[in-house]
C-alpha atoms as a PDB file:
ATOM      1  CA  MET A   1      81.064  96.590 113.396  1.00  0.00           C
ATOM      2  CA  PRO A   2      77.769  95.209 111.795  1.00  0.00           C
ATOM      3  CA  ALA A   3      76.052  92.546 113.134  1.00  0.00           C
ATOM      4  CA  SER A   4      76.233  90.267 110.430  1.00  0.00           C
ATOM      5  CA  ALA A   5      80.448  90.680 110.110  1.00  0.00           C
ATOM      6  CA  ALA A   6      80.755  90.342 113.872  1.00  0.00           C
ATOM      7  CA  GLN A   7      79.335  87.089 113.735  1.00  0.00           C
ATOM      8  CA  ALA A   8      81.668  86.121 111.130  1.00  0.00           C
ATOM      9  CA  LEU A   9      84.322  86.762 113.005  1.00  0.00           C
ATOM     10  CA  ALA A  10      83.027  84.966 116.236  1.00  0.00           C
ATOM     11  CA  GLY A  11      85.631  83.485 118.048  1.00  0.00           C
ATOM     12  CA  LEU A  12      88.175  85.888 116.875  1.00  0.00           C
ATOM     13  CA  ALA A  13      86.751  88.914 119.184  1.00  0.00           C
ATOM     14  CA  ARG A  14      89.420  90.226 121.506  1.00  0.00           C
ATOM     15  CA  ILE A  15      88.086  93.271 123.944  1.00  0.00           C
ATOM     16  CA  ARG A  16      90.493  95.530 124.764  1.00  0.00           C
ATOM     17  CA  PRO A  17      90.217  96.707 128.925  1.00  0.00           C
ATOM     18  CA  ASP A  18      88.964  99.978 129.654  1.00  0.00           C
ATOM     19  CA  GLY A  19      91.712 102.583 129.793  1.00  0.00           C
ATOM     20  CA  TRP A  20      94.446 100.950 127.287  1.00  0.00           C
ATOM     21  CA  LEU A  21      95.328 104.254 125.510  1.00  0.00           C
ATOM     22  CA  ALA A  22      96.570 106.789 127.413  1.00  0.00           C
ATOM     23  CA  THR A  23      95.189 109.655 125.337  1.00  0.00           C
ATOM     24  CA  PRO A  24      92.285 109.077 124.257  1.00  0.00           C
ATOM     25  CA  MET A  25      90.108 111.280 121.731  1.00  0.00           C
ATOM     26  CA  PRO A  26      87.856 114.187 123.625  1.00  0.00           C
ATOM     27  CA  ASP A  27      84.456 113.758 124.095  1.00  0.00           C
ATOM     28  CA  ASP A  28      83.770 117.294 123.535  1.00  0.00           C
ATOM     29  CA  PRO A  29      82.831 117.836 119.902  1.00  0.00           C
ATOM     30  CA  GLY A  30      84.165 121.641 120.325  1.00  0.00           C
ATOM     31  CA  ALA A  31      87.101 120.411 121.372  1.00  0.00           C
ATOM     32  CA  LEU A  32      87.234 117.805 118.534  1.00  0.00           C
ATOM     33  CA  LEU A  33      87.021 120.618 115.833  1.00  0.00           C
ATOM     34  CA  ASN A  34      89.767 122.926 118.012  1.00  0.00           C
ATOM     35  CA  ARG A  35      92.183 119.837 117.508  1.00  0.00           C
ATOM     36  CA  ALA A  36      91.673 119.422 113.904  1.00  0.00           C
ATOM     37  CA  ARG A  37      91.787 123.285 113.306  1.00  0.00           C
ATOM     38  CA  GLU A  38      95.168 123.367 115.178  1.00  0.00           C
ATOM     39  CA  ALA A  39      96.175 120.093 113.065  1.00  0.00           C
ATOM     40  CA  LEU A  40      95.197 121.924 109.741  1.00  0.00           C
ATOM     41  CA  GLU A  41      97.118 125.331 110.715  1.00  0.00           C
ATOM     42  CA  ALA A  42      99.907 123.410 111.773  1.00  0.00           C
ATOM     43  CA  GLU A  43     100.296 122.418 108.180  1.00  0.00           C
ATOM     44  CA  ARG A  44      99.343 125.837 106.663  1.00  0.00           C
ATOM     45  CA  PRO A  45      99.816 128.700 108.852  1.00  0.00           C
ATOM     46  CA  GLY A  46      96.388 130.960 108.325  1.00  0.00           C
ATOM     47  CA  TRP A  47      94.348 128.088 107.240  1.00  0.00           C
ATOM     48  CA  ALA A  48      90.990 129.277 106.562  1.00  0.00           C
ATOM     49  CA  GLY A  49      88.075 127.059 105.522  1.00  0.00           C
ATOM     50  CA  ARG A  50      85.234 125.078 107.109  1.00  0.00           C
ATOM     51  CA  LEU A  51      85.072 121.907 109.052  1.00  0.00           C
ATOM     52  CA  ARG A  52      82.161 119.165 109.717  1.00  0.00           C
ATOM     53  CA  LEU A  53      82.761 116.493 112.311  1.00  0.00           C
ATOM     54  CA  LEU A  54      81.639 113.163 111.072  1.00  0.00           C
ATOM     55  CA  SER A  55      82.282 110.763 113.849  1.00  0.00           C
ATOM     56  CA  SER A  56      84.433 110.237 116.745  1.00  0.00           C
ATOM     57  CA  ARG A  57      85.713 107.091 119.030  1.00  0.00           C
ATOM     58  CA  TYR A  58      88.044 106.365 121.588  1.00  0.00           C
ATOM     59  CA  THR A  59      90.785 106.162 119.061  1.00  0.00           C
ATOM     60  CA  ALA A  60      89.898 108.837 116.302  1.00  0.00           C
ATOM     61  CA  ALA A  61      88.097 111.377 114.781  1.00  0.00           C
ATOM     62  CA  VAL A  62      87.042 111.979 111.359  1.00  0.00           C
ATOM     63  CA  PHE A  63      86.178 115.494 109.963  1.00  0.00           C
ATOM     64  CA  ALA A  64      85.038 117.044 106.436  1.00  0.00           C
ATOM     65  CA  VAL A  65      87.297 120.042 105.304  1.00  0.00           C
ATOM     66  CA  SER A  66      86.084 122.339 102.973  1.00  0.00           C
ATOM     67  CA  ASP A  67      88.392 125.079 101.785  1.00  0.00           C
ATOM     68  CA  GLN A  68      90.252 126.421  99.087  1.00  0.00           C
ATOM     69  CA  TYR A  69      91.516 123.164  97.861  1.00  0.00           C
ATOM     70  CA  GLY A  70      88.120 121.231  97.753  1.00  0.00           C
ATOM     71  CA  GLN A  71      86.685 118.916  99.969  1.00  0.00           C
ATOM     72  CA  ARG A  72      89.050 116.473 101.745  1.00  0.00           C
ATOM     73  CA  ILE A  73      89.103 114.421 104.491  1.00  0.00           C
ATOM     74  CA  LEU A  74      90.693 115.016 107.691  1.00  0.00           C
ATOM     75  CA  LYS A  75      91.610 111.970 110.375  1.00  0.00           C
ATOM     76  CA  LEU A  76      92.558 112.537 113.107  1.00  0.00           C
ATOM     77  CA  HIS A  77      94.556 109.673 115.560  1.00  0.00           C
ATOM     78  CA  ALA A  78      94.843 109.545 119.546  1.00  0.00           C
ATOM     79  CA  ASP A  79      96.790 106.400 119.462  1.00  0.00           C
ATOM     80  CA  PRO A  80     100.692 106.919 117.679  1.00  0.00           C
ATOM     81  CA  ALA A  81     100.580 103.076 116.822  1.00  0.00           C
ATOM     82  CA  ALA A  82      97.425 103.097 114.546  1.00  0.00           C
ATOM     83  CA  PHE A  83      98.624 106.030 113.048  1.00  0.00           C
ATOM     84  CA  ALA A  84     101.649 104.392 111.982  1.00  0.00           C
ATOM     85  CA  GLY A  85     100.318 101.692 110.676  1.00  0.00           C
ATOM     86  CA  GLU A  86      97.641 103.466 108.655  1.00  0.00           C
ATOM     87  CA  THR A  87     100.082 105.699 106.859  1.00  0.00           C
ATOM     88  CA  LEU A  88     102.231 102.017 106.249  1.00  0.00           C
ATOM     89  CA  ALA A  89      98.601 100.548 104.687  1.00  0.00           C
ATOM     90  CA  TYR A  90      98.575 103.943 102.351  1.00  0.00           C
ATOM     91  CA  GLU A  91     102.254 103.526 101.579  1.00  0.00           C
ATOM     92  CA  LEU A  92     102.017  99.765 100.633  1.00  0.00           C
ATOM     93  CA  LEU A  93      98.445 100.072  98.790  1.00  0.00           C
ATOM     94  CA  THR A  94      98.426 103.449  96.779  1.00  0.00           C
ATOM     95  CA  GLY A  95      99.127 102.391  93.213  1.00  0.00           C
ATOM     96  CA  THR A  96      98.999  98.535  94.069  1.00  0.00           C
ATOM     97  CA  ALA A  97      95.212  98.568  95.312  1.00  0.00           C
ATOM     98  CA  PRO A  98      92.052 101.007  94.573  1.00  0.00           C
ATOM     99  CA  VAL A  99      92.511 103.048  97.840  1.00  0.00           C
ATOM    100  CA  PRO A 100      91.511 106.821  98.196  1.00  0.00           C
ATOM    101  CA  HIS A 101      93.987 109.010  97.713  1.00  0.00           C
ATOM    102  CA  LEU A 102      96.430 110.098 100.651  1.00  0.00           C
ATOM    103  CA  TYR A 103      97.129 113.907 100.345  1.00  0.00           C
ATOM    104  CA  ALA A 104      99.498 114.837 103.037  1.00  0.00           C
ATOM    105  CA  GLU A 105     100.212 112.835 106.481  1.00  0.00           C
ATOM    106  CA  SER A 106     102.119 114.667 109.624  1.00  0.00           C
ATOM    107  CA  GLU A 107     103.418 112.799 112.475  1.00  0.00           C
ATOM    108  CA  ARG A 108     103.306 115.999 114.428  1.00  0.00           C
ATOM    109  CA  SER A 109      99.195 115.931 114.798  1.00  0.00           C
ATOM    110  CA  LEU A 110      98.965 112.313 113.945  1.00  0.00           C
ATOM    111  CA  SER A 111      97.096 113.416 111.171  1.00  0.00           C
ATOM    112  CA  LEU A 112      96.052 112.284 107.192  1.00  0.00           C
ATOM    113  CA  LEU A 113      94.512 114.290 104.544  1.00  0.00           C
ATOM    114  CA  LEU A 114      92.515 111.925 102.048  1.00  0.00           C
ATOM    115  CA  GLU A 115      90.325 112.129  99.644  1.00  0.00           C
ATOM    116  CA  TYR A 116      86.734 113.010 100.225  1.00  0.00           C
ATOM    117  CA  LEU A 117      84.241 109.813  98.749  1.00  0.00           C
ATOM    118  CA  PRO A 118      80.834 110.650 100.168  1.00  0.00           C
ATOM    119  CA  GLY A 119      79.050 108.596  97.426  1.00  0.00           C
ATOM    120  CA  THR A 120      78.764 104.457  98.384  1.00  0.00           C
ATOM    121  CA  ALA A 121      78.984 101.615  96.135  1.00  0.00           C
ATOM    122  CA  ASP A 122      75.681 101.037  94.316  1.00  0.00           C
ATOM    123  CA  TRP A 123      75.118  97.845  95.586  1.00  0.00           C
ATOM    124  CA  SER A 124      72.051  96.966  92.965  1.00  0.00           C
ATOM    125  CA  ASP A 125      74.830  96.527  90.603  1.00  0.00           C
ATOM    126  CA  THR A 126      74.966  93.044  89.843  1.00  0.00           C
ATOM    127  CA  ARG A 127      78.911  93.150  89.295  1.00  0.00           C
ATOM    128  CA  MET A 128      79.310  94.354  92.862  1.00  0.00           C
ATOM    129  CA  PRO A 129      80.621  90.422  94.328  1.00  0.00           C
ATOM    130  CA  GLY A 130      82.995  90.363  92.007  1.00  0.00           C
ATOM    131  CA  VAL A 131      84.232  93.726  92.572  1.00  0.00           C
ATOM    132  CA  LEU A 132      84.216  93.476  95.998  1.00  0.00           C
ATOM    133  CA  VAL A 133      86.198  89.950  96.131  1.00  0.00           C
ATOM    134  CA  GLU A 134      88.675  91.441  93.119  1.00  0.00           C
ATOM    135  CA  TRP A 135      89.523  94.691  95.154  1.00  0.00           C
ATOM    136  CA  VAL A 136      90.115  92.695  98.281  1.00  0.00           C
ATOM    137  CA  ALA A 137      92.119  89.872  96.347  1.00  0.00           C
ATOM    138  CA  ALA A 138      94.187  93.084  95.071  1.00  0.00           C
ATOM    139  CA  VAL A 139      94.799  94.544  98.883  1.00  0.00           C
ATOM    140  CA  HIS A 140      95.809  90.475  99.643  1.00  0.00           C
ATOM    141  CA  THR A 141      98.573  90.501  96.802  1.00  0.00           C
ATOM    142  CA  ALA A 142      99.949  94.056  96.737  1.00  0.00           C
ATOM    143  CA  ALA A 143     103.451  92.964  98.191  1.00  0.00           C
ATOM    144  CA  LEU A 144     103.896  91.099  94.626  1.00  0.00           C
ATOM    145  CA  ARG A 145     103.330  95.162  92.484  1.00  0.00           C
ATOM    146  CA  LEU A 146     105.524  96.410  95.425  1.00  0.00           C
ATOM    147  CA  LEU A 147     109.060  98.441  94.231  1.00  0.00           C
ATOM    148  CA  ARG A 148     112.232  96.320  94.966  1.00  0.00           C
ATOM    149  CA  TYR A 149     113.142  98.780  98.121  1.00  0.00           C
ATOM    150  CA  ALA A 150     109.623  98.279  99.627  1.00  0.00           C
ATOM    151  CA  VAL A 151     109.949  94.638  99.345  1.00  0.00           C
ATOM    152  CA  GLU A 152     113.503  94.645 100.795  1.00  0.00           C
ATOM    153  CA  ALA A 153     112.351  96.785 103.752  1.00  0.00           C
ATOM    154  CA  LEU A 154     109.544  94.518 104.832  1.00  0.00           C
ATOM    155  CA  ALA A 155     111.093  91.198 104.025  1.00  0.00           C
ATOM    156  CA  GLY A 156     111.034  90.280 107.684  1.00  0.00           C
ATOM    157  CA  PHE A 157     107.531  90.008 107.602  1.00  0.00           C
ATOM    158  CA  SER A 158     107.656  87.927 104.299  1.00  0.00           C
ATOM    159  CA  VAL A 159     105.653  84.567 104.308  1.00  0.00           C
ATOM    160  CA  GLY A 160     109.036  82.754 104.138  1.00  0.00           C
ATOM    161  CA  ARG A 161     110.138  84.420 107.262  1.00  0.00           C
ATOM    162  CA  LEU A 162     107.148  83.549 109.026  1.00  0.00           C
ATOM    163  CA  LEU A 163     108.101  79.571 108.392  1.00  0.00           C
ATOM    164  CA  THR A 164     110.132  79.693 110.984  1.00  0.00           C
ATOM    165  CA  ALA A 165     109.271  82.281 113.074  1.00  0.00           C
ATOM    166  CA  PRO A 166     107.488  81.460 116.355  1.00  0.00           C
ATOM    167  CA  ALA A 167     103.817  82.040 116.198  1.00  0.00           C
ATOM    168  CA  PRO A 168     102.258  84.817 117.071  1.00  0.00           C
ATOM    169  CA  ALA A 169     100.625  85.016 120.883  1.00  0.00           C
ATOM    170  CA  TRP A 170      96.708  84.671 119.766  1.00  0.00           C
ATOM    171  CA  ILE A 171      97.608  81.696 117.713  1.00  0.00           C
ATOM    172  CA  ARG A 172      95.756  78.809 119.747  1.00  0.00           C
ATOM    173  CA  ASP A 173      97.504  75.866 117.114  1.00  0.00           C
ATOM    174  CA  GLU A 174     101.040  76.423 115.987  1.00  0.00           C
ATOM    175  CA  THR A 175     100.516  73.207 113.967  1.00  0.00           C
ATOM    176  CA  ALA A 176      97.757  74.552 111.745  1.00  0.00           C
ATOM    177  CA  TRP A 177      99.230  78.269 111.850  1.00  0.00           C
ATOM    178  CA  CYS A 178     102.321  76.636 109.971  1.00  0.00           C
ATOM    179  CA  ASP A 179      99.926  74.837 107.473  1.00  0.00           C
ATOM    180  CA  VAL A 180      98.225  78.205 106.841  1.00  0.00           C
ATOM    181  CA  VAL A 181     101.670  79.852 106.012  1.00  0.00           C
ATOM    182  CA  ALA A 182     102.806  76.912 104.359  1.00  0.00           C
ATOM    183  CA  ALA A 183      99.412  77.271 102.065  1.00  0.00           C
ATOM    184  CA  HIS A 184     100.837  80.966 101.151  1.00  0.00           C
ATOM    185  CA  VAL A 185     104.331  80.070 100.183  1.00  0.00           C
ATOM    186  CA  ASP A 186     102.649  77.750  98.148  1.00  0.00           C
ATOM    187  CA  ALA A 187     100.041  80.165  96.573  1.00  0.00           C
ATOM    188  CA  TYR A 188     102.592  83.415  96.100  1.00  0.00           C
ATOM    189  CA  GLY A 189     106.088  82.405  97.267  1.00  0.00           C
ATOM    190  CA  SER A 190     108.005  82.916  99.898  1.00  0.00           C
ATOM    191  CA  ASP A 191     108.651  87.073  99.216  1.00  0.00           C
ATOM    192  CA  LEU A 192     105.129  87.789  99.815  1.00  0.00           C
ATOM    193  CA  VAL A 193     104.614  90.021 102.564  1.00  0.00           C
ATOM    194  CA  PRO A 194     100.837  88.631 103.547  1.00  0.00           C
ATOM    195  CA  LEU A 195      98.388  92.016 103.526  1.00  0.00           C
ATOM    196  CA  GLY A 196      94.907  91.592 105.395  1.00  0.00           C
ATOM    197  CA  HIS A 197      92.622  92.253 108.265  1.00  0.00           C
ATOM    198  CA  LEU A 198      90.577  94.633 106.420  1.00  0.00           C
ATOM    199  CA  ASP A 199      87.768  96.524 108.311  1.00  0.00           C
ATOM    200  CA  LEU A 200      85.113  94.884 105.404  1.00  0.00           C
ATOM    201  CA  LYS A 201      81.757  96.719 105.642  1.00  0.00           C
ATOM    202  CA  PRO A 202      79.568  97.541 102.432  1.00  0.00           C
ATOM    203  CA  ASP A 203      79.615 101.414 103.706  1.00  0.00           C
ATOM    204  CA  HIS A 204      83.592 100.969 103.340  1.00  0.00           C
ATOM    205  CA  LEU A 205      82.845 100.531  99.612  1.00  0.00           C
ATOM    206  CA  ARG A 206      82.915 104.326  98.077  1.00  0.00           C
ATOM    207  CA  SER A 207      82.283 105.453  94.444  1.00  0.00           C
ATOM    208  CA  ARG A 208      84.513 108.226  92.998  1.00  0.00           C
ATOM    209  CA  ALA A 209      82.388 110.473  90.388  1.00  0.00           C
ATOM    210  CA  GLY A 210      83.048 108.282  87.406  1.00  0.00           C
ATOM    211  CA  GLY A 211      82.071 105.241  88.923  1.00  0.00           C
ATOM    212  CA  GLU A 212      85.113 103.682  89.800  1.00  0.00           C
ATOM    213  CA  VAL A 213      84.629 101.905  93.327  1.00  0.00           C
ATOM    214  CA  VAL A 214      87.778 102.210  96.248  1.00  0.00           C
ATOM    215  CA  LEU A 215      88.042 100.682  99.339  1.00  0.00           C
ATOM    216  CA  PHE A 216      87.432 103.050 102.172  1.00  0.00           C
ATOM    217  CA  ASP A 217      89.134 103.272 105.248  1.00  0.00           C
ATOM    218  CA  VAL A 218      92.280 100.947 105.404  1.00  0.00           C
ATOM    219  CA  GLU A 219      93.653 101.704 108.829  1.00  0.00           C
ATOM    220  CA  THR A 220      93.700  98.140 109.965  1.00  0.00           C
ATOM    221  CA  VAL A 221      95.611  96.353 107.437  1.00  0.00           C
ATOM    222  CA  ARG A 222      98.294  94.640 108.660  1.00  0.00           C
ATOM    223  CA  PRO A 223     101.661  93.701 107.310  1.00  0.00           C
ATOM    224  CA  ASP A 224     102.123  90.340 109.463  1.00  0.00           C
ATOM    225  CA  VAL A 225      98.615  88.429 108.953  1.00  0.00           C
ATOM    226  CA  THR A 226      97.192  86.792 106.039  1.00  0.00           C
ATOM    227  CA  GLY A 227      94.177  88.004 104.268  1.00  0.00           C
ATOM    228  CA  LEU A 228      91.929  84.697 105.256  1.00  0.00           C
ATOM    229  CA  ILE A 229      90.078  86.525 107.611  1.00  0.00           C
ATOM    230  CA  ASP A 230      88.849  88.898 105.399  1.00  0.00           C
ATOM    231  CA  VAL A 231      88.009  85.778 102.711  1.00  0.00           C
ATOM    232  CA  VAL A 232      85.642  84.425 105.803  1.00  0.00           C
ATOM    233  CA  THR A 233      83.979  87.290 106.463  1.00  0.00           C
ATOM    234  CA  LEU A 234      83.046  88.422 102.438  1.00  0.00           C
ATOM    235  CA  PRO A 235      79.357  86.273 102.483  1.00  0.00           C
ATOM    236  CA  ALA A 236      78.504  88.449 105.709  1.00  0.00           C
ATOM    237  CA  VAL A 237      79.410  91.637 103.964  1.00  0.00           C
ATOM    238  CA  LEU A 238      77.540  90.810 100.627  1.00  0.00           C
ATOM    239  CA  ARG A 239      74.471  89.340 102.820  1.00  0.00           C
ATOM    240  CA  GLN A 240      74.282  92.866 104.458  1.00  0.00           C
ATOM    241  CA  ALA A 241      74.674  94.535 101.677  1.00  0.00           C
ATOM    242  CA  GLY A 242      71.554  92.489  99.905  1.00  0.00           C
ATOM    243  CA  ARG A 243      73.872  90.467  97.627  1.00  0.00           C
ATOM    244  CA  GLN A 244      72.844  86.668  98.492  1.00  0.00           C
ATOM    245  CA  THR A 245      76.177  85.116  96.977  1.00  0.00           C
ATOM    246  CA  ALA A 246      76.865  81.389  97.634  1.00  0.00           C
ATOM    247  CA  PRO A 247      79.746  80.423  99.674  1.00  0.00           C
ATOM    248  CA  ASP A 248      81.068  78.097  96.804  1.00  0.00           C
ATOM    249  CA  GLU A 249      80.422  80.919  94.285  1.00  0.00           C
ATOM    250  CA  VAL A 250      82.663  83.630  96.976  1.00  0.00           C
ATOM    251  CA  VAL A 251      85.498  80.796  96.794  1.00  0.00           C
ATOM    252  CA  GLU A 252      85.613  80.881  92.857  1.00  0.00           C
ATOM    253  CA  LEU A 253      85.578  84.691  92.588  1.00  0.00           C
ATOM    254  CA  TYR A 254      88.351  84.993  95.079  1.00  0.00           C
ATOM    255  CA  VAL A 255      90.109  82.025  93.486  1.00  0.00           C
ATOM    256  CA  GLY A 256      89.980  84.114  90.123  1.00  0.00           C
ATOM    257  CA  ALA A 257      90.734  87.190  91.425  1.00  0.00           C
ATOM    258  CA  THR A 258      93.835  85.877  93.083  1.00  0.00           C
ATOM    259  CA  THR A 259      94.831  84.160  90.218  1.00  0.00           C
ATOM    260  CA  ALA A 260      94.203  87.249  87.744  1.00  0.00           C
ATOM    261  CA  LEU A 261      96.819  89.150  90.288  1.00  0.00           C
ATOM    262  CA  GLY A 262      99.469  86.798  90.346  1.00  0.00           C
ATOM    263  CA  GLY A 263      98.422  84.434  92.739  1.00  0.00           C
ATOM    264  CA  ARG A 264      98.400  80.215  92.627  1.00  0.00           C
ATOM    265  CA  TRP A 265      95.215  79.484  95.063  1.00  0.00           C
ATOM    266  CA  THR A 266      93.168  76.389  93.503  1.00  0.00           C
ATOM    267  CA  THR A 267      89.791  75.669  94.828  1.00  0.00           C
ATOM    268  CA  ARG A 268      91.203  72.993  97.060  1.00  0.00           C
ATOM    269  CA  SER A 269      94.502  74.271  98.348  1.00  0.00           C
ATOM    270  CA  LEU A 270      92.193  77.692  99.517  1.00  0.00           C
ATOM    271  CA  ARG A 271      89.404  75.742 101.461  1.00  0.00           C
ATOM    272  CA  GLY A 272      92.565  73.805 103.035  1.00  0.00           C
ATOM    273  CA  ALA A 273      94.091  77.215 104.248  1.00  0.00           C
ATOM    274  CA  LEU A 274      90.716  77.981 105.641  1.00  0.00           C
ATOM    275  CA  ARG A 275      90.243  75.282 107.515  1.00  0.00           C
ATOM    276  CA  ALA A 276      93.465  75.252 108.920  1.00  0.00           C
ATOM    277  CA  TYR A 277      93.246  78.881 109.896  1.00  0.00           C
ATOM    278  CA  ALA A 278      89.952  78.232 112.024  1.00  0.00           C
ATOM    279  CA  ALA A 279      91.732  75.516 113.994  1.00  0.00           C
ATOM    280  CA  ALA A 280      94.936  77.815 114.133  1.00  0.00           C
ATOM    281  CA  THR A 281      92.716  80.901 115.515  1.00  0.00           C
ATOM    282  CA  GLY A 282      89.637  79.257 116.945  1.00  0.00           C
ATOM    283  CA  LEU A 283      87.430  80.755 114.393  1.00  0.00           C
ATOM    284  CA  ASP A 284      84.022  79.162 115.130  1.00  0.00           C
ATOM    285  CA  SER A 285      82.750  78.734 111.224  1.00  0.00           C
ATOM    286  CA  LEU A 286      83.871  79.404 107.830  1.00  0.00           C
ATOM    287  CA  HIS A 287      80.128  79.879 106.944  1.00  0.00           C
ATOM    288  CA  GLY A 288      79.843  77.341 104.194  1.00  0.00           C
ATOM    289  CA  LEU A 289      83.199  78.442 102.602  1.00  0.00           C
ATOM    290  CA  THR A 290      84.958  74.779 102.855  1.00  0.00           C
ATOM    291  CA  ASP A 291      81.841  72.781 102.505  1.00  0.00           C
END
């Protein structure tokens, strides 16, 4: 995580103990490439193409795939829960928010085939702060545009249910958490599934050949937390990208973007919800968003 984004999340860091994952990704690049080939051949026997390891960590590895289908991204997970979470995120966001195309997924190999997006967004464009905020708002409001069957399947995660459910274990102040949830009911209605917890960083805004900007890497999106931590992170991400955007402007951009997508936040209600979120979670700073 970039230093500026990490600073934005000060007070919320939770470090997992060593060895928490029983079957982590191997350290050897050769072993990783063999695992990727096996995943591709399992879906298409006789697969022939080229693989390039882009990144690897304890929980996942990412490869560039070149074959008769063109350029794609192969992502392998070591953690079944993380794989399930990322596939759910794509199911929820595809068609409702600007994310890469998901071409295929395999529970057997815990793998996803995704759109190849090598070009990062042009942060010199003065429109980029608004684009970033708009795309984040699109994720936060995605549940307002889901098909009815999806809404019904996720009803257990609605903010209306959260009003009467026990507070999550990581919440420090249950009364403040209730205020956060109530603010979301006021802003979106009780049926909203609150999607949030994006892994925001400048490099995760990618550009398609035609110039369209999309949000890359949505594996952290969860249907049980609000998007307020993403709002808190926005000023830090913009600073890291070289866009010095005043906190007041970030708030106004977010209120405007969510209003256009069916929300009912006001500057006052959003700031009140952010204060309650900080109290509920122990977040150290709101970085001027509520001043």
